[in-house]
Amino acid sequence: MKRRILLGAAAMLAMSAGVSMAQDLPPLAQKDSYKVGFAQTESNNPWRIAQTKSFQDTAATCGWDLVMTDAGGSAAKQVADVDSMIAQGIEVLFLPPREESPLIPAVMRAKAAGIPTFLVDRSVDKAVATAGKDYVSFLGSDFIDQGKRVAEWVIANHEGEGKIIELEGTTGSSPANDRKKGFDDAIGADSRFTILESRSGDFARDEGRKVMETLLQAHPDVNIVYAHNDEMAIGAIQALEAAGRKPGEDVLVVSIDGTRDALQAIIDGKMGVTVESSPFFGPLACETMKRYAAGETIEPWVQVEDRIFTKENAAENLAGAY
């Protein structure tokens, strides 16, 4: 009887240890080169193109044999792309999840295959998958703070009542969710401002233009447009001008990203502000991966610091913009 109890206890300890080991992050050996996967979401805008180039440029100096894919704006394809990379034997995965929930199974399969995963510029649902357990870390900006900073600038620089149209990013993505929360919470603290309507433009210039055309007909009294990224902001400017409105005069346009087109729009007086969200993740990804291989405990969030661009500094930063 005692022997049976001891065997049972040993089995339970073994199972417990197995669970603990299963929850541990996959190790990464220190060596000169790695087969690295980068599963891009899409390549239909300057931000994504700049991010991809940053990874390509870094591959040559960081010892990466880089396996790259482009999901073409499809979360399902991005999951399939990660599965294909796992089958190809990648040793490290850098993943910008297109949406918070659909990419979680891919993250879990990478972990089960012994592949350390770093989420880049977008995260997943933290209630389901967590840094330090299911993936190593999230490398990216504080999206809530970005939205908050835009709202604070609007409050400080717009006189009188503000009637706002909000162009949201990709539905279900962490930057869209957080940029909306940051802006809405901050702007809601000032009773002068009302959000007339908020609708997704999928972070795309042409979609932002189309959505703005529709919302402008429904809300001709709009005098502020807040776009979750510069591409939609430029699309909104096109729609406003086509309707005979004057961006920068009778409609204040504000945004996030810090692209060359946005800085030029600020210089031209058509936009008020854009908060930076840097796409140049290659060097940071290399540095963080090497720290992890060296045995360092990586912080759950490797935060990127973002600047803010207005008419005071847009011109001096134009040459370095993407």
C-alpha atoms as a PDB file:
ATOM      1  CA  MET A   1       0.000   0.000   0.000  1.00  0.00           C
ATOM      2  CA  LYS A   2       2.801   2.381   0.970  1.00  0.00           C
ATOM      3  CA  ARG A   3       4.666   1.458  -2.220  1.00  0.00           C
ATOM      4  CA  ARG A   4       1.535   2.241  -4.284  1.00  0.00           C
ATOM      5  CA  ILE A   5       1.200   5.649  -2.571  1.00  0.00           C
ATOM      6  CA  LEU A   6       4.877   6.404  -3.169  1.00  0.00           C
ATOM      7  CA  LEU A   7       4.589   5.415  -6.833  1.00  0.00           C
ATOM      8  CA  GLY A   8       1.491   7.588  -7.173  1.00  0.00           C
ATOM      9  CA  ALA A   9       3.266  10.535  -5.579  1.00  0.00           C
ATOM     10  CA  ALA A  10       6.252  10.034  -7.871  1.00  0.00           C
ATOM     11  CA  ALA A  11       3.961   9.949 -10.881  1.00  0.00           C
ATOM     12  CA  MET A  12       2.269  13.141  -9.774  1.00  0.00           C
ATOM     13  CA  LEU A  13       5.652  14.814  -9.307  1.00  0.00           C
ATOM     14  CA  ALA A  14       6.725  13.678 -12.756  1.00  0.00           C
ATOM     15  CA  MET A  15       3.510  14.990 -14.269  1.00  0.00           C
ATOM     16  CA  SER A  16       3.964  18.269 -12.397  1.00  0.00           C
ATOM     17  CA  ALA A  17       7.530  18.558 -13.669  1.00  0.00           C
ATOM     18  CA  GLY A  18       6.311  17.774 -17.171  1.00  0.00           C
ATOM     19  CA  VAL A  19       3.737  20.553 -16.978  1.00  0.00           C
ATOM     20  CA  SER A  20       6.394  22.941 -15.672  1.00  0.00           C
ATOM     21  CA  MET A  21       8.762  22.016 -18.484  1.00  0.00           C
ATOM     22  CA  ALA A  22       5.976  22.366 -21.041  1.00  0.00           C
ATOM     23  CA  GLN A  23       5.357  25.873 -19.801  1.00  0.00           C
ATOM     24  CA  ASP A  24       9.050  26.845 -20.021  1.00  0.00           C
ATOM     25  CA  LEU A  25      10.121  28.876 -23.037  1.00  0.00           C
ATOM     26  CA  PRO A  26      12.177  27.000 -25.641  1.00  0.00           C
ATOM     27  CA  PRO A  27      15.930  27.627 -25.228  1.00  0.00           C
ATOM     28  CA  LEU A  28      18.097  29.142 -27.941  1.00  0.00           C
ATOM     29  CA  ALA A  29      21.740  28.157 -28.292  1.00  0.00           C
ATOM     30  CA  GLN A  30      24.410  30.797 -28.841  1.00  0.00           C
ATOM     31  CA  LYS A  31      25.907  30.498 -32.309  1.00  0.00           C
ATOM     32  CA  ASP A  32      26.896  32.577 -35.325  1.00  0.00           C
ATOM     33  CA  SER A  33      23.836  31.998 -37.502  1.00  0.00           C
ATOM     34  CA  TYR A  34      20.168  31.099 -37.181  1.00  0.00           C
ATOM     35  CA  LYS A  35      17.335  30.150 -39.499  1.00  0.00           C
ATOM     36  CA  VAL A  36      14.878  32.938 -38.688  1.00  0.00           C
ATOM     37  CA  GLY A  37      11.243  33.279 -39.736  1.00  0.00           C
ATOM     38  CA  PHE A  38       9.528  36.618 -40.256  1.00  0.00           C
ATOM     39  CA  ALA A  39       5.800  36.287 -41.048  1.00  0.00           C
ATOM     40  CA  GLN A  40       4.708  39.676 -42.374  1.00  0.00           C
ATOM     41  CA  THR A  41       1.015  40.629 -42.357  1.00  0.00           C
ATOM     42  CA  GLU A  42       0.900  42.482 -45.691  1.00  0.00           C
ATOM     43  CA  SER A  43       2.955  44.825 -47.880  1.00  0.00           C
ATOM     44  CA  ASN A  44       0.357  47.353 -49.004  1.00  0.00           C
ATOM     45  CA  ASN A  45       1.651  50.443 -47.204  1.00  0.00           C
ATOM     46  CA  PRO A  46       4.928  52.300 -46.513  1.00  0.00           C
ATOM     47  CA  TRP A  47       5.029  51.233 -42.854  1.00  0.00           C
ATOM     48  CA  ARG A  48       4.986  47.503 -43.624  1.00  0.00           C
ATOM     49  CA  ILE A  49       7.437  47.901 -46.509  1.00  0.00           C
ATOM     50  CA  ALA A  50       9.856  49.774 -44.220  1.00  0.00           C
ATOM     51  CA  GLN A  51       9.506  47.104 -41.525  1.00  0.00           C
ATOM     52  CA  THR A  52      10.224  44.297 -43.991  1.00  0.00           C
ATOM     53  CA  LYS A  53      13.282  46.122 -45.331  1.00  0.00           C
ATOM     54  CA  SER A  54      14.528  46.614 -41.773  1.00  0.00           C
ATOM     55  CA  PHE A  55      14.455  42.832 -41.222  1.00  0.00           C
ATOM     56  CA  GLN A  56      16.096  42.174 -44.592  1.00  0.00           C
ATOM     57  CA  ASP A  57      18.873  44.695 -43.892  1.00  0.00           C
ATOM     58  CA  THR A  58      19.451  43.268 -40.419  1.00  0.00           C
ATOM     59  CA  ALA A  59      19.689  39.676 -41.682  1.00  0.00           C
ATOM     60  CA  ALA A  60      23.067  40.362 -43.269  1.00  0.00           C
ATOM     61  CA  THR A  61      24.601  41.679 -40.052  1.00  0.00           C
ATOM     62  CA  CYS A  62      22.864  39.456 -37.481  1.00  0.00           C
ATOM     63  CA  GLY A  63      23.645  36.066 -38.989  1.00  0.00           C
ATOM     64  CA  TRP A  64      20.095  35.335 -40.106  1.00  0.00           C
ATOM     65  CA  ASP A  65      19.116  32.896 -42.801  1.00  0.00           C
ATOM     66  CA  LEU A  66      15.838  34.745 -43.209  1.00  0.00           C
ATOM     67  CA  VAL A  67      12.645  32.939 -44.237  1.00  0.00           C
ATOM     68  CA  MET A  68      10.024  35.577 -45.078  1.00  0.00           C
ATOM     69  CA  THR A  69       6.346  35.373 -45.953  1.00  0.00           C
ATOM     70  CA  ASP A  70       3.591  37.875 -46.718  1.00  0.00           C
ATOM     71  CA  ALA A  71       0.070  37.063 -45.540  1.00  0.00           C
ATOM     72  CA  GLY A  72      -1.536  39.567 -47.910  1.00  0.00           C
ATOM     73  CA  GLY A  73      -3.818  40.914 -45.194  1.00  0.00           C
ATOM     74  CA  SER A  74      -5.213  37.491 -44.236  1.00  0.00           C
ATOM     75  CA  ALA A  75      -4.965  36.192 -40.666  1.00  0.00           C
ATOM     76  CA  ALA A  76      -5.690  32.671 -41.934  1.00  0.00           C
ATOM     77  CA  LYS A  77      -2.803  32.832 -44.391  1.00  0.00           C
ATOM     78  CA  GLN A  78      -0.510  34.212 -41.704  1.00  0.00           C
ATOM     79  CA  VAL A  79      -1.313  31.165 -39.548  1.00  0.00           C
ATOM     80  CA  ALA A  80      -0.546  28.918 -42.522  1.00  0.00           C
ATOM     81  CA  ASP A  81       2.682  30.837 -43.149  1.00  0.00           C
ATOM     82  CA  VAL A  82       3.846  30.202 -39.574  1.00  0.00           C
ATOM     83  CA  ASP A  83       2.957  26.509 -39.886  1.00  0.00           C
ATOM     84  CA  SER A  84       5.020  26.337 -43.083  1.00  0.00           C
ATOM     85  CA  MET A  85       7.982  27.992 -41.371  1.00  0.00           C
ATOM     86  CA  ILE A  86       7.778  25.486 -38.519  1.00  0.00           C
ATOM     87  CA  ALA A  87       7.850  22.683 -41.097  1.00  0.00           C
ATOM     88  CA  GLN A  88      10.918  24.279 -42.714  1.00  0.00           C
ATOM     89  CA  GLY A  89      12.791  24.099 -39.424  1.00  0.00           C
ATOM     90  CA  ILE A  90      13.145  27.725 -38.402  1.00  0.00           C
ATOM     91  CA  GLU A  91      14.917  28.261 -35.085  1.00  0.00           C
ATOM     92  CA  VAL A  92      13.456  31.670 -34.175  1.00  0.00           C
ATOM     93  CA  LEU A  93      10.146  33.319 -35.135  1.00  0.00           C
ATOM     94  CA  PHE A  94       9.394  37.036 -35.364  1.00  0.00           C
ATOM     95  CA  LEU A  95       5.650  37.551 -35.764  1.00  0.00           C
ATOM     96  CA  PRO A  96       3.514  40.682 -36.138  1.00  0.00           C
ATOM     97  CA  PRO A  97       0.062  39.132 -35.507  1.00  0.00           C
ATOM     98  CA  ARG A  98      -2.484  40.616 -37.872  1.00  0.00           C
ATOM     99  CA  GLU A  99      -5.226  40.119 -35.275  1.00  0.00           C
ATOM    100  CA  GLU A 100      -5.094  39.425 -31.548  1.00  0.00           C
ATOM    101  CA  SER A 101      -6.964  36.085 -31.376  1.00  0.00           C
ATOM    102  CA  PRO A 102      -6.560  34.135 -34.674  1.00  0.00           C
ATOM    103  CA  LEU A 103      -2.750  33.978 -34.412  1.00  0.00           C
ATOM    104  CA  ILE A 104      -2.657  32.448 -30.920  1.00  0.00           C
ATOM    105  CA  PRO A 105      -2.739  28.812 -32.192  1.00  0.00           C
ATOM    106  CA  ALA A 106       0.262  29.565 -34.412  1.00  0.00           C
ATOM    107  CA  VAL A 107       2.154  31.009 -31.430  1.00  0.00           C
ATOM    108  CA  MET A 108       1.339  27.897 -29.392  1.00  0.00           C
ATOM    109  CA  ARG A 109       2.445  25.535 -32.187  1.00  0.00           C
ATOM    110  CA  ALA A 110       5.750  27.383 -32.533  1.00  0.00           C
ATOM    111  CA  LYS A 111       6.338  26.973 -28.797  1.00  0.00           C
ATOM    112  CA  ALA A 112       5.438  23.273 -28.954  1.00  0.00           C
ATOM    113  CA  ALA A 113       7.968  22.887 -31.779  1.00  0.00           C
ATOM    114  CA  GLY A 114      10.683  24.386 -29.573  1.00  0.00           C
ATOM    115  CA  ILE A 115      10.861  27.703 -31.432  1.00  0.00           C
ATOM    116  CA  PRO A 116      11.274  30.904 -29.391  1.00  0.00           C
ATOM    117  CA  THR A 117       8.747  33.458 -30.661  1.00  0.00           C
ATOM    118  CA  PHE A 118       8.974  37.226 -30.443  1.00  0.00           C
ATOM    119  CA  LEU A 119       5.857  39.268 -31.237  1.00  0.00           C
ATOM    120  CA  VAL A 120       6.735  42.388 -33.193  1.00  0.00           C
ATOM    121  CA  ASP A 121       4.710  45.643 -33.400  1.00  0.00           C
ATOM    122  CA  ARG A 122       1.408  43.857 -32.652  1.00  0.00           C
ATOM    123  CA  SER A 123       0.465  41.567 -29.791  1.00  0.00           C
ATOM    124  CA  VAL A 124      -2.053  38.798 -29.091  1.00  0.00           C
ATOM    125  CA  ASP A 125      -4.827  38.510 -26.518  1.00  0.00           C
ATOM    126  CA  LYS A 126      -2.960  38.606 -23.206  1.00  0.00           C
ATOM    127  CA  ALA A 127      -5.787  36.742 -21.465  1.00  0.00           C
ATOM    128  CA  VAL A 128      -5.006  33.681 -23.596  1.00  0.00           C
ATOM    129  CA  ALA A 129      -1.281  33.856 -24.361  1.00  0.00           C
ATOM    130  CA  THR A 130       1.303  35.600 -22.200  1.00  0.00           C
ATOM    131  CA  ALA A 131       4.865  36.818 -22.604  1.00  0.00           C
ATOM    132  CA  GLY A 132       7.444  34.781 -20.719  1.00  0.00           C
ATOM    133  CA  LYS A 133       5.310  31.665 -20.981  1.00  0.00           C
ATOM    134  CA  ASP A 134       3.847  31.229 -24.466  1.00  0.00           C
ATOM    135  CA  TYR A 135       6.209  33.586 -26.314  1.00  0.00           C
ATOM    136  CA  VAL A 136       9.358  35.371 -25.249  1.00  0.00           C
ATOM    137  CA  SER A 137       8.381  39.029 -25.473  1.00  0.00           C
ATOM    138  CA  PHE A 138       6.431  41.738 -27.276  1.00  0.00           C
ATOM    139  CA  LEU A 139       8.599  44.259 -29.106  1.00  0.00           C
ATOM    140  CA  GLY A 140       6.611  47.394 -29.795  1.00  0.00           C
ATOM    141  CA  SER A 141       5.105  50.737 -28.958  1.00  0.00           C
ATOM    142  CA  ASP A 142       2.557  51.746 -26.343  1.00  0.00           C
ATOM    143  CA  PHE A 143      -0.476  52.034 -28.616  1.00  0.00           C
ATOM    144  CA  ILE A 144      -2.743  53.330 -25.865  1.00  0.00           C
ATOM    145  CA  ASP A 145      -0.265  56.104 -25.151  1.00  0.00           C
ATOM    146  CA  GLN A 146      -0.055  56.943 -28.860  1.00  0.00           C
ATOM    147  CA  GLY A 147      -3.813  57.517 -29.021  1.00  0.00           C
ATOM    148  CA  LYS A 148      -3.719  59.442 -25.766  1.00  0.00           C
ATOM    149  CA  ARG A 149      -0.974  61.748 -27.024  1.00  0.00           C
ATOM    150  CA  VAL A 150      -2.939  62.549 -30.177  1.00  0.00           C
ATOM    151  CA  ALA A 151      -6.019  63.378 -28.072  1.00  0.00           C
ATOM    152  CA  GLU A 152      -4.000  65.568 -25.723  1.00  0.00           C
ATOM    153  CA  TRP A 153      -2.568  67.488 -28.681  1.00  0.00           C
ATOM    154  CA  VAL A 154      -6.080  67.985 -30.123  1.00  0.00           C
ATOM    155  CA  ILE A 155      -7.409  69.231 -26.769  1.00  0.00           C
ATOM    156  CA  ALA A 156      -4.536  71.694 -26.480  1.00  0.00           C
ATOM    157  CA  ASN A 157      -4.678  72.951 -30.068  1.00  0.00           C
ATOM    158  CA  HIS A 158      -8.351  72.927 -31.120  1.00  0.00           C
ATOM    159  CA  GLU A 159     -10.544  75.839 -30.120  1.00  0.00           C
ATOM    160  CA  GLY A 160     -14.266  75.419 -29.563  1.00  0.00           C
ATOM    161  CA  GLU A 161     -16.341  72.297 -30.104  1.00  0.00           C
ATOM    162  CA  GLY A 162     -14.861  69.302 -31.845  1.00  0.00           C
ATOM    163  CA  LYS A 163     -16.959  66.900 -33.913  1.00  0.00           C
ATOM    164  CA  ILE A 164     -14.838  63.877 -34.649  1.00  0.00           C
ATOM    165  CA  ILE A 165     -14.811  61.075 -37.181  1.00  0.00           C
ATOM    166  CA  GLU A 166     -12.504  58.235 -36.144  1.00  0.00           C
ATOM    167  CA  LEU A 167     -10.961  55.942 -38.758  1.00  0.00           C
ATOM    168  CA  GLU A 168     -10.024  52.711 -37.011  1.00  0.00           C
ATOM    169  CA  GLY A 169      -7.341  50.251 -38.030  1.00  0.00           C
ATOM    170  CA  THR A 170      -7.771  46.537 -38.731  1.00  0.00           C
ATOM    171  CA  THR A 171     -10.640  45.175 -36.657  1.00  0.00           C
ATOM    172  CA  GLY A 172      -9.366  42.919 -33.886  1.00  0.00           C
ATOM    173  CA  SER A 173      -5.744  44.099 -34.089  1.00  0.00           C
ATOM    174  CA  SER A 174      -3.951  45.314 -30.974  1.00  0.00           C
ATOM    175  CA  PRO A 175      -2.967  48.751 -32.395  1.00  0.00           C
ATOM    176  CA  ALA A 176      -6.551  49.450 -33.496  1.00  0.00           C
ATOM    177  CA  ASN A 177      -7.980  48.376 -30.149  1.00  0.00           C
ATOM    178  CA  ASP A 178      -5.436  50.318 -28.109  1.00  0.00           C
ATOM    179  CA  ARG A 179      -5.207  53.464 -30.238  1.00  0.00           C
ATOM    180  CA  LYS A 180      -8.970  53.740 -30.008  1.00  0.00           C
ATOM    181  CA  LYS A 181      -8.973  53.284 -26.244  1.00  0.00           C
ATOM    182  CA  GLY A 182      -6.170  55.774 -25.671  1.00  0.00           C
ATOM    183  CA  PHE A 183      -7.779  58.467 -27.812  1.00  0.00           C
ATOM    184  CA  ASP A 184     -11.404  57.887 -26.797  1.00  0.00           C
ATOM    185  CA  ASP A 185     -10.667  57.879 -23.063  1.00  0.00           C
ATOM    186  CA  ALA A 186      -8.582  61.062 -23.234  1.00  0.00           C
ATOM    187  CA  ILE A 187     -10.840  63.012 -25.593  1.00  0.00           C
ATOM    188  CA  GLY A 188     -13.903  61.943 -23.591  1.00  0.00           C
ATOM    189  CA  ALA A 189     -12.574  63.811 -20.580  1.00  0.00           C
ATOM    190  CA  ASP A 190     -13.205  67.125 -22.377  1.00  0.00           C
ATOM    191  CA  SER A 191     -16.907  67.870 -22.912  1.00  0.00           C
ATOM    192  CA  ARG A 192     -16.144  70.047 -25.937  1.00  0.00           C
ATOM    193  CA  PHE A 193     -15.535  66.959 -28.074  1.00  0.00           C
ATOM    194  CA  THR A 194     -17.939  64.412 -29.539  1.00  0.00           C
ATOM    195  CA  ILE A 195     -17.071  61.346 -31.606  1.00  0.00           C
ATOM    196  CA  LEU A 196     -19.733  61.361 -34.323  1.00  0.00           C
ATOM    197  CA  GLU A 197     -18.846  57.934 -35.704  1.00  0.00           C
ATOM    198  CA  SER A 198     -15.989  55.433 -35.627  1.00  0.00           C
ATOM    199  CA  ARG A 199     -15.425  52.911 -38.418  1.00  0.00           C
ATOM    200  CA  SER A 200     -12.607  50.676 -39.659  1.00  0.00           C
ATOM    201  CA  GLY A 201     -10.542  51.652 -42.674  1.00  0.00           C
ATOM    202  CA  ASP A 202      -8.252  48.610 -42.216  1.00  0.00           C
ATOM    203  CA  PHE A 203      -5.088  50.761 -41.989  1.00  0.00           C
ATOM    204  CA  ALA A 204      -5.265  51.251 -45.796  1.00  0.00           C
ATOM    205  CA  ARG A 205      -5.159  54.544 -47.712  1.00  0.00           C
ATOM    206  CA  ASP A 206      -7.817  53.700 -50.287  1.00  0.00           C
ATOM    207  CA  GLU A 207     -10.130  52.129 -47.728  1.00  0.00           C
ATOM    208  CA  GLY A 208      -9.684  55.157 -45.485  1.00  0.00           C
ATOM    209  CA  ARG A 209     -10.648  57.390 -48.406  1.00  0.00           C
ATOM    210  CA  LYS A 210     -13.770  55.350 -49.171  1.00  0.00           C
ATOM    211  CA  VAL A 211     -14.891  55.244 -45.527  1.00  0.00           C
ATOM    212  CA  MET A 212     -14.282  58.987 -45.188  1.00  0.00           C
ATOM    213  CA  GLU A 213     -16.385  59.671 -48.291  1.00  0.00           C
ATOM    214  CA  THR A 214     -19.291  57.738 -46.771  1.00  0.00           C
ATOM    215  CA  LEU A 215     -18.999  59.241 -43.294  1.00  0.00           C
ATOM    216  CA  LEU A 216     -18.620  62.755 -44.683  1.00  0.00           C
ATOM    217  CA  GLN A 217     -22.035  62.455 -46.295  1.00  0.00           C
ATOM    218  CA  ALA A 218     -23.537  61.277 -43.014  1.00  0.00           C
ATOM    219  CA  HIS A 219     -21.707  63.868 -40.919  1.00  0.00           C
ATOM    220  CA  PRO A 220     -21.061  67.037 -42.954  1.00  0.00           C
ATOM    221  CA  ASP A 221     -20.482  68.944 -39.704  1.00  0.00           C
ATOM    222  CA  VAL A 222     -17.274  67.025 -38.916  1.00  0.00           C
ATOM    223  CA  ASN A 223     -14.330  69.268 -38.090  1.00  0.00           C
ATOM    224  CA  ILE A 224     -11.776  66.728 -36.772  1.00  0.00           C
ATOM    225  CA  VAL A 225     -10.602  63.439 -38.283  1.00  0.00           C
ATOM    226  CA  TYR A 226      -8.577  61.058 -36.124  1.00  0.00           C
ATOM    227  CA  ALA A 227      -7.034  58.211 -38.124  1.00  0.00           C
ATOM    228  CA  HIS A 228      -5.312  55.257 -36.483  1.00  0.00           C
ATOM    229  CA  ASN A 229      -2.517  55.488 -39.058  1.00  0.00           C
ATOM    230  CA  ASP A 230      -1.114  57.916 -41.605  1.00  0.00           C
ATOM    231  CA  GLU A 231      -2.269  55.952 -44.641  1.00  0.00           C
ATOM    232  CA  MET A 232      -5.924  56.359 -43.649  1.00  0.00           C
ATOM    233  CA  ALA A 233      -5.271  59.998 -42.775  1.00  0.00           C
ATOM    234  CA  ILE A 234      -3.925  60.662 -46.285  1.00  0.00           C
ATOM    235  CA  GLY A 235      -6.958  58.863 -47.730  1.00  0.00           C
ATOM    236  CA  ALA A 236      -9.221  61.045 -45.578  1.00  0.00           C
ATOM    237  CA  ILE A 237      -7.476  64.175 -46.845  1.00  0.00           C
ATOM    238  CA  GLN A 238      -8.130  63.053 -50.416  1.00  0.00           C
ATOM    239  CA  ALA A 239     -11.824  62.504 -49.641  1.00  0.00           C
ATOM    240  CA  LEU A 240     -12.148  65.859 -47.900  1.00  0.00           C
ATOM    241  CA  GLU A 241     -10.514  67.734 -50.780  1.00  0.00           C
ATOM    242  CA  ALA A 242     -12.700  65.946 -53.323  1.00  0.00           C
ATOM    243  CA  ALA A 243     -15.739  67.136 -51.348  1.00  0.00           C
ATOM    244  CA  GLY A 244     -14.523  70.737 -51.394  1.00  0.00           C
ATOM    245  CA  ARG A 245     -13.378  70.762 -47.774  1.00  0.00           C
ATOM    246  CA  LYS A 246     -10.038  72.220 -46.672  1.00  0.00           C
ATOM    247  CA  PRO A 247      -7.948  69.878 -44.484  1.00  0.00           C
ATOM    248  CA  GLY A 248      -5.965  71.921 -42.010  1.00  0.00           C
ATOM    249  CA  GLU A 249      -8.412  74.828 -42.217  1.00  0.00           C
ATOM    250  CA  ASP A 250     -11.990  73.701 -41.661  1.00  0.00           C
ATOM    251  CA  VAL A 251     -11.112  70.096 -40.759  1.00  0.00           C
ATOM    252  CA  LEU A 252      -8.240  69.140 -38.442  1.00  0.00           C
ATOM    253  CA  VAL A 253      -6.625  65.806 -39.437  1.00  0.00           C
ATOM    254  CA  VAL A 254      -4.505  63.944 -36.858  1.00  0.00           C
ATOM    255  CA  SER A 255      -2.882  60.546 -36.964  1.00  0.00           C
ATOM    256  CA  ILE A 256      -0.220  58.026 -35.906  1.00  0.00           C
ATOM    257  CA  ASP A 257       2.867  56.562 -37.643  1.00  0.00           C
ATOM    258  CA  GLY A 258       5.227  59.334 -38.763  1.00  0.00           C
ATOM    259  CA  THR A 259       5.496  58.491 -42.476  1.00  0.00           C
ATOM    260  CA  ARG A 260       7.095  60.788 -45.047  1.00  0.00           C
ATOM    261  CA  ASP A 261       3.692  61.554 -46.619  1.00  0.00           C
ATOM    262  CA  ALA A 262       2.278  62.535 -43.228  1.00  0.00           C
ATOM    263  CA  LEU A 263       5.214  64.809 -42.419  1.00  0.00           C
ATOM    264  CA  GLN A 264       4.827  66.450 -45.824  1.00  0.00           C
ATOM    265  CA  ALA A 265       1.095  66.910 -45.162  1.00  0.00           C
ATOM    266  CA  ILE A 266       1.969  68.631 -41.872  1.00  0.00           C
ATOM    267  CA  ILE A 267       4.460  70.871 -43.685  1.00  0.00           C
ATOM    268  CA  ASP A 268       1.761  71.657 -46.282  1.00  0.00           C
ATOM    269  CA  GLY A 269      -0.681  72.561 -43.510  1.00  0.00           C
ATOM    270  CA  LYS A 270      -3.097  69.698 -44.219  1.00  0.00           C
ATOM    271  CA  MET A 271      -2.392  67.679 -41.052  1.00  0.00           C
ATOM    272  CA  GLY A 272      -1.907  68.802 -37.477  1.00  0.00           C
ATOM    273  CA  VAL A 273       0.063  66.040 -35.807  1.00  0.00           C
ATOM    274  CA  THR A 274       1.263  62.473 -36.171  1.00  0.00           C
ATOM    275  CA  VAL A 275       2.697  60.420 -33.315  1.00  0.00           C
ATOM    276  CA  GLU A 276       5.574  58.211 -34.391  1.00  0.00           C
ATOM    277  CA  SER A 277       5.270  54.431 -34.491  1.00  0.00           C
ATOM    278  CA  SER A 278       8.645  53.262 -35.769  1.00  0.00           C
ATOM    279  CA  PRO A 279       8.777  50.341 -38.253  1.00  0.00           C
ATOM    280  CA  PHE A 280      12.540  49.828 -37.909  1.00  0.00           C
ATOM    281  CA  PHE A 281      12.445  46.671 -35.800  1.00  0.00           C
ATOM    282  CA  GLY A 282      15.317  44.740 -37.361  1.00  0.00           C
ATOM    283  CA  PRO A 283      18.160  45.932 -35.076  1.00  0.00           C
ATOM    284  CA  LEU A 284      15.988  45.644 -31.956  1.00  0.00           C
ATOM    285  CA  ALA A 285      14.932  42.123 -32.963  1.00  0.00           C
ATOM    286  CA  CYS A 286      18.568  41.114 -33.450  1.00  0.00           C
ATOM    287  CA  GLU A 287      19.664  42.578 -30.124  1.00  0.00           C
ATOM    288  CA  THR A 288      16.780  40.992 -28.188  1.00  0.00           C
ATOM    289  CA  MET A 289      17.320  37.579 -29.803  1.00  0.00           C
ATOM    290  CA  LYS A 290      21.027  37.646 -28.907  1.00  0.00           C
ATOM    291  CA  ARG A 291      20.231  38.630 -25.319  1.00  0.00           C
ATOM    292  CA  TYR A 292      17.846  35.678 -25.100  1.00  0.00           C
ATOM    293  CA  ALA A 293      20.415  33.264 -26.559  1.00  0.00           C
ATOM    294  CA  ALA A 294      22.908  34.509 -23.972  1.00  0.00           C
ATOM    295  CA  GLY A 295      20.540  33.405 -21.214  1.00  0.00           C
ATOM    296  CA  GLU A 296      19.151  36.779 -20.212  1.00  0.00           C
ATOM    297  CA  THR A 297      15.589  37.010 -18.930  1.00  0.00           C
ATOM    298  CA  ILE A 298      13.830  39.214 -21.477  1.00  0.00           C
ATOM    299  CA  GLU A 299      11.305  41.716 -20.194  1.00  0.00           C
ATOM    300  CA  PRO A 300       7.719  40.873 -21.286  1.00  0.00           C
ATOM    301  CA  TRP A 301       7.497  44.133 -23.215  1.00  0.00           C
ATOM    302  CA  VAL A 302      10.513  45.609 -24.977  1.00  0.00           C
ATOM    303  CA  GLN A 303       9.040  49.061 -25.418  1.00  0.00           C
ATOM    304  CA  VAL A 304       9.813  51.360 -28.333  1.00  0.00           C
ATOM    305  CA  GLU A 305       9.949  55.081 -27.593  1.00  0.00           C
ATOM    306  CA  ASP A 306       7.977  57.247 -30.022  1.00  0.00           C
ATOM    307  CA  ARG A 307       8.396  60.883 -30.994  1.00  0.00           C
ATOM    308  CA  ILE A 308       5.665  63.339 -31.952  1.00  0.00           C
ATOM    309  CA  PHE A 309       5.726  65.380 -35.176  1.00  0.00           C
ATOM    310  CA  THR A 310       4.058  68.772 -35.620  1.00  0.00           C
ATOM    311  CA  LYS A 311       4.678  71.872 -37.750  1.00  0.00           C
ATOM    312  CA  GLU A 312       7.512  72.751 -35.357  1.00  0.00           C
ATOM    313  CA  ASN A 313       9.680  69.736 -36.270  1.00  0.00           C
ATOM    314  CA  ALA A 314       8.200  68.023 -39.361  1.00  0.00           C
ATOM    315  CA  ALA A 315      10.553  69.637 -41.872  1.00  0.00           C
ATOM    316  CA  GLU A 316      13.717  68.750 -39.956  1.00  0.00           C
ATOM    317  CA  ASN A 317      12.650  65.092 -39.740  1.00  0.00           C
ATOM    318  CA  LEU A 318      11.400  64.701 -43.313  1.00  0.00           C
ATOM    319  CA  ALA A 319      14.668  63.431 -44.769  1.00  0.00           C
ATOM    320  CA  GLY A 320      14.823  60.524 -42.303  1.00  0.00           C
ATOM    321  CA  ALA A 321      11.173  59.499 -42.726  1.00  0.00           C
ATOM    322  CA  TYR A 322      10.047  56.434 -44.689  1.00  0.00           C
END
